[in-house]
Amino acid sequence: MSSKQILPSEEIIQQYGSSLVGKTILITGVSGDSIAGELAIQLSAAKPHLLILSARAEDRIAPIVEKIKAMAPHVATKFLKMDLGDLNDIKTAVDTTLHDISKINHLACVAGIMVPPYGKTKDGFETQFGVNYLANFLLVKLLLPKVRAAGVGASITLVSSSAARTGKIDFEDIGFSDGRTYEPLTAYCQSNAAEVMFVKILAENWMVKESGPSALILVVCNHGLNHSQSLLDAELSSVSEGGT
């Protein structure tokens, strides 16, 4: 499929859904009004074995779980409580909640924030850099062994933005002088640039270590599309094709 072509979600599920049957999929940023939540609902139609839904609080995923149970009662769901603004919380969540999950076929890192007022994560990093980049970096690092264990067609998808094209990482002042020089959009572009660079380097390193049919599929999905359905279709395309 052309990289510029985005198929409707129904068509994607029809064409590629069989590749997701019986698979384990982890999605971050799930809530009742989010793209991640709708992605989970759509993917449930493909009869995966388990959908792991991540959010800061369980009540955020409750409406999504309810819809999944109504549409696909045989699809299991698992809540992953995780605060992406706290690196220790991410590690704890993976070590405790996912200790019994031996493999993850598809990891979709959808959660992120955009141009908030200046703030810091629990670890002291500028919020957008911490959540959009550092949190995803750590989560992928921790889950990579489980994705590798899934074997052929396993995939990792990170949602980024076309803002990465103009983003520059200020290694001398990543935190914008403790907010004194903070520009929300500049910080957003920086975090997205870091995320895209991370996926690029990860892909290059993976290609050196491993090739052939067991190779991992890495995708950066641009959320800067015209409307939410377009983003959903792009997400479905990246996850579903990863299983073929």
Protein backbone atom coordinates (compact mmCIF):
# COMPACT_ATOMS: atom_id res chain seq x y z
CA MET A 1 0.00 0.00 0.00
CA SER A 2 1.24 3.50 -0.80
CA SER A 3 2.56 5.42 2.18
CA LYS A 4 0.24 8.29 1.19
CA GLN A 5 -2.91 6.19 0.98
CA ILE A 6 -5.13 5.93 4.04
CA LEU A 7 -7.89 3.36 3.81
CA PRO A 8 -11.14 3.67 5.80
CA SER A 9 -10.99 1.76 9.07
CA GLU A 10 -13.69 -0.70 8.00
CA GLU A 11 -11.73 -1.61 4.90
CA ILE A 12 -8.52 -1.99 6.88
CA ILE A 13 -10.17 -4.40 9.30
CA GLN A 14 -11.71 -6.31 6.41
CA GLN A 15 -8.39 -6.65 4.57
CA TYR A 16 -5.97 -7.14 7.44
CA GLY A 17 -8.06 -8.02 10.47
CA SER A 18 -7.36 -11.72 10.20
CA SER A 19 -3.71 -11.00 11.05
CA LEU A 20 -4.79 -9.70 14.47
CA VAL A 21 -6.84 -12.74 15.50
CA GLY A 22 -5.53 -14.10 18.79
CA LYS A 23 -2.91 -11.35 19.19
CA THR A 24 -2.02 -9.22 22.20
CA ILE A 25 -2.13 -5.46 21.65
CA LEU A 26 -1.16 -2.67 24.06
CA ILE A 27 -2.51 0.84 23.52
CA THR A 28 -1.58 3.92 25.57
CA GLY A 29 -3.67 7.04 26.12
CA VAL A 30 -7.03 5.27 26.21
CA SER A 31 -10.09 7.23 27.33
CA GLY A 32 -13.70 7.58 26.35
CA ASP A 33 -13.11 10.52 24.03
CA SER A 34 -9.68 9.68 22.63
CA ILE A 35 -8.37 8.31 19.36
CA ALA A 36 -6.67 5.58 21.38
CA GLY A 37 -10.03 4.55 22.78
CA GLU A 38 -11.65 4.38 19.36
CA LEU A 39 -8.65 2.45 18.08
CA ALA A 40 -9.22 -0.15 20.80
CA ILE A 41 -12.89 -0.47 19.87
CA GLN A 42 -12.13 -0.89 16.17
CA LEU A 43 -9.38 -3.43 16.80
CA SER A 44 -11.69 -5.52 19.00
CA ALA A 45 -13.65 -6.37 15.87
CA ALA A 46 -10.59 -8.26 14.60
CA LYS A 47 -10.85 -10.72 17.53
CA PRO A 48 -7.49 -10.20 19.24
CA HIS A 49 -6.78 -12.32 22.28
CA LEU A 50 -6.08 -9.41 24.63
CA LEU A 51 -6.28 -5.63 24.53
CA ILE A 52 -4.12 -3.97 27.19
CA LEU A 53 -5.50 -0.47 27.73
CA SER A 54 -3.31 2.10 29.46
CA ALA A 55 -4.42 5.26 31.24
CA ARG A 56 -3.78 7.15 34.46
CA ALA A 57 -7.04 5.98 36.03
CA GLU A 58 -9.32 3.01 35.37
CA ASP A 59 -12.47 5.12 35.09
CA ARG A 60 -10.99 6.69 31.95
CA ILE A 61 -11.07 3.38 30.07
CA ALA A 62 -14.42 2.19 31.50
CA PRO A 63 -16.58 3.50 28.59
CA ILE A 64 -14.24 1.83 26.09
CA VAL A 65 -14.26 -1.50 27.91
CA GLU A 66 -18.05 -1.37 28.02
CA LYS A 67 -18.26 -0.87 24.26
CA ILE A 68 -15.74 -3.64 23.60
CA LYS A 69 -17.71 -6.08 25.75
CA ALA A 70 -20.87 -5.21 23.85
CA MET A 71 -19.22 -5.60 20.42
CA ALA A 72 -16.75 -8.40 21.08
CA PRO A 73 -17.55 -10.16 24.37
CA HIS A 74 -14.88 -12.81 23.82
CA VAL A 75 -12.04 -10.26 23.59
CA ALA A 76 -10.24 -9.91 26.92
CA THR A 77 -9.17 -6.50 28.22
CA LYS A 78 -6.59 -5.59 30.84
CA PHE A 79 -6.11 -2.21 32.51
CA LEU A 80 -2.57 -0.86 32.74
CA LYS A 81 -2.45 2.00 35.25
CA MET A 82 0.41 4.20 34.18
CA ASP A 83 1.32 7.87 34.52
CA LEU A 84 3.59 8.89 31.65
CA GLY A 85 4.74 11.89 33.63
CA ASP A 86 6.48 9.60 36.12
CA LEU A 87 9.24 7.33 34.82
CA ASN A 88 9.27 5.23 37.98
CA ASP A 89 5.52 4.68 37.63
CA ILE A 90 6.04 3.38 34.09
CA LYS A 91 8.63 0.88 35.27
CA THR A 92 6.45 -0.21 38.19
CA ALA A 93 3.42 -0.65 35.92
CA VAL A 94 5.35 -2.86 33.50
CA ASP A 95 7.00 -4.88 36.28
CA THR A 96 3.77 -5.52 38.17
CA THR A 97 0.80 -5.46 35.81
CA LEU A 98 2.57 -7.00 32.82
CA HIS A 99 4.83 -9.49 34.59
CA ASP A 100 2.64 -12.39 33.42
CA ILE A 101 2.42 -11.19 29.80
CA SER A 102 5.11 -13.07 27.88
CA LYS A 103 4.62 -11.38 24.52
CA ILE A 104 3.02 -8.31 22.98
CA ASN A 105 2.36 -8.51 19.25
CA HIS A 106 1.60 -4.83 18.73
CA LEU A 107 2.48 -1.80 20.85
CA ALA A 108 0.64 1.42 19.95
CA CYS A 109 1.98 4.45 21.83
CA VAL A 110 -0.81 6.95 21.22
CA ALA A 111 -0.71 9.01 24.42
CA GLY A 112 0.80 12.47 24.29
CA ILE A 113 0.26 16.11 25.17
CA MET A 114 0.30 19.25 23.06
CA VAL A 115 1.25 22.84 23.94
CA PRO A 116 0.26 22.94 27.62
CA PRO A 117 1.38 25.70 29.98
CA TYR A 118 4.89 25.19 31.30
CA GLY A 119 5.23 22.36 33.76
CA LYS A 120 7.54 19.56 34.81
CA THR A 121 7.16 15.82 35.10
CA LYS A 122 7.72 14.15 38.44
CA ASP A 123 11.31 13.55 37.33
CA GLY A 124 11.88 17.26 36.69
CA PHE A 125 11.73 17.33 32.88
CA GLU A 126 9.73 19.83 30.82
CA THR A 127 6.33 18.16 30.51
CA GLN A 128 6.10 17.70 26.74
CA PHE A 129 9.66 16.39 26.45
CA GLY A 130 9.03 14.06 29.38
CA VAL A 131 5.67 12.67 28.26
CA ASN A 132 5.99 12.68 24.47
CA TYR A 133 9.58 11.45 24.29
CA LEU A 134 11.13 10.16 27.51
CA ALA A 135 8.06 8.18 28.56
CA ASN A 136 7.81 6.47 25.17
CA PHE A 137 11.55 5.85 25.11
CA LEU A 138 11.39 4.05 28.47
CA LEU A 139 8.18 2.17 27.69
CA VAL A 140 9.54 0.84 24.40
CA LYS A 141 12.81 -0.13 26.08
CA LEU A 142 10.98 -2.05 28.81
CA LEU A 143 8.55 -3.77 26.45
CA LEU A 144 10.94 -4.53 23.59
CA PRO A 145 11.74 -8.04 24.89
CA LYS A 146 8.01 -8.85 24.96
CA VAL A 147 7.54 -7.48 21.43
CA ARG A 148 10.55 -9.43 20.21
CA ALA A 149 9.08 -12.57 21.77
CA ALA A 150 5.98 -12.16 19.59
CA GLY A 151 8.08 -12.99 16.53
CA VAL A 152 7.14 -12.43 12.91
CA GLY A 153 5.18 -9.27 12.18
CA ALA A 154 5.35 -7.75 15.66
CA SER A 155 5.17 -3.98 15.56
CA ILE A 156 5.69 -0.79 17.52
CA THR A 157 3.74 2.31 16.47
CA LEU A 158 4.42 5.75 17.95
CA VAL A 159 2.15 8.70 17.28
CA SER A 160 4.05 11.85 16.46
CA SER A 161 3.37 15.00 14.45
CA SER A 162 4.56 16.83 11.38
CA ALA A 163 5.82 19.34 13.93
CA ALA A 164 8.87 17.10 14.14
CA ARG A 165 10.01 18.49 10.80
CA THR A 166 10.67 21.91 12.30
CA GLY A 167 11.62 20.65 15.73
CA LYS A 168 15.13 21.09 17.08
CA ILE A 169 16.51 19.61 20.28
CA ASP A 170 18.26 22.23 22.37
CA PHE A 171 20.71 19.99 24.20
CA GLU A 172 22.06 23.01 26.10
CA ASP A 173 18.64 23.96 27.47
CA ILE A 174 16.07 21.20 27.02
CA GLY A 175 14.04 22.57 29.92
CA PHE A 176 13.73 26.14 28.60
CA SER A 177 15.62 27.64 31.55
CA ASP A 178 13.09 26.28 34.04
CA GLY A 179 10.29 27.83 32.03
CA ARG A 180 11.69 31.33 31.69
CA THR A 181 12.14 30.94 27.92
CA TYR A 182 9.30 28.45 27.44
CA GLU A 183 7.42 28.51 24.14
CA PRO A 184 4.72 25.79 24.09
CA LEU A 185 4.86 25.11 20.35
CA THR A 186 8.67 25.10 20.26
CA ALA A 187 8.68 22.60 23.12
CA TYR A 188 6.08 20.48 21.33
CA CYS A 189 8.18 20.44 18.15
CA GLN A 190 11.27 19.52 20.18
CA SER A 191 9.53 16.57 21.84
CA ASN A 192 8.25 15.25 18.53
CA ALA A 193 11.64 15.61 16.86
CA ALA A 194 13.20 13.61 19.69
CA GLU A 195 10.54 10.91 19.33
CA VAL A 196 11.05 10.56 15.57
CA MET A 197 14.83 10.45 15.97
CA PHE A 198 14.42 7.73 18.59
CA VAL A 199 12.36 5.53 16.24
CA LYS A 200 14.82 6.11 13.40
CA ILE A 201 17.81 5.08 15.51
CA LEU A 202 15.93 2.14 16.99
CA ALA A 203 15.05 0.92 13.50
CA GLU A 204 18.65 1.26 12.32
CA ASN A 205 19.99 -0.61 15.33
CA TRP A 206 17.39 -3.33 14.94
CA MET A 207 18.30 -3.82 11.28
CA VAL A 208 21.93 -4.32 12.26
CA LYS A 209 21.05 -6.90 14.92
CA GLU A 210 18.36 -8.80 13.09
CA SER A 211 16.97 -9.20 9.59
CA GLY A 212 14.66 -11.49 7.71
CA PRO A 213 11.11 -12.63 8.52
CA SER A 214 11.43 -12.04 12.27
CA ALA A 215 12.32 -8.36 11.83
CA LEU A 216 10.38 -5.89 13.95
CA ILE A 217 8.11 -3.39 12.19
CA LEU A 218 8.56 0.18 13.48
CA VAL A 219 6.13 2.94 12.51
CA VAL A 220 5.81 6.65 13.31
CA CYS A 221 2.24 7.79 12.68
CA ASN A 222 1.54 11.47 12.05
CA HIS A 223 -1.47 12.73 14.00
CA GLY A 224 -1.57 16.03 12.13
CA LEU A 225 -4.36 14.95 9.81
CA ASN A 226 -7.58 16.69 8.93
CA HIS A 227 -9.88 14.97 11.42
CA SER A 228 -10.01 12.24 13.97
CA GLN A 229 -11.30 9.54 11.62
CA SER A 230 -8.27 10.06 9.38
CA LEU A 231 -5.97 9.57 12.33
CA LEU A 232 -7.87 6.47 13.39
CA ASP A 233 -7.55 5.05 9.89
CA ALA A 234 -3.81 5.76 9.86
CA GLU A 235 -3.40 4.08 13.25
CA LEU A 236 -5.37 1.03 12.16
CA SER A 237 -3.35 0.78 9.00
CA SER A 238 -0.03 0.81 10.84
CA VAL A 239 -1.09 -1.75 13.46
CA SER A 240 -3.01 -4.08 11.14
CA GLU A 241 -0.38 -4.22 8.41
CA GLY A 242 2.23 -4.93 11.06
CA GLY A 243 0.70 -8.33 11.53
CA THR A 244 0.89 -9.43 7.91
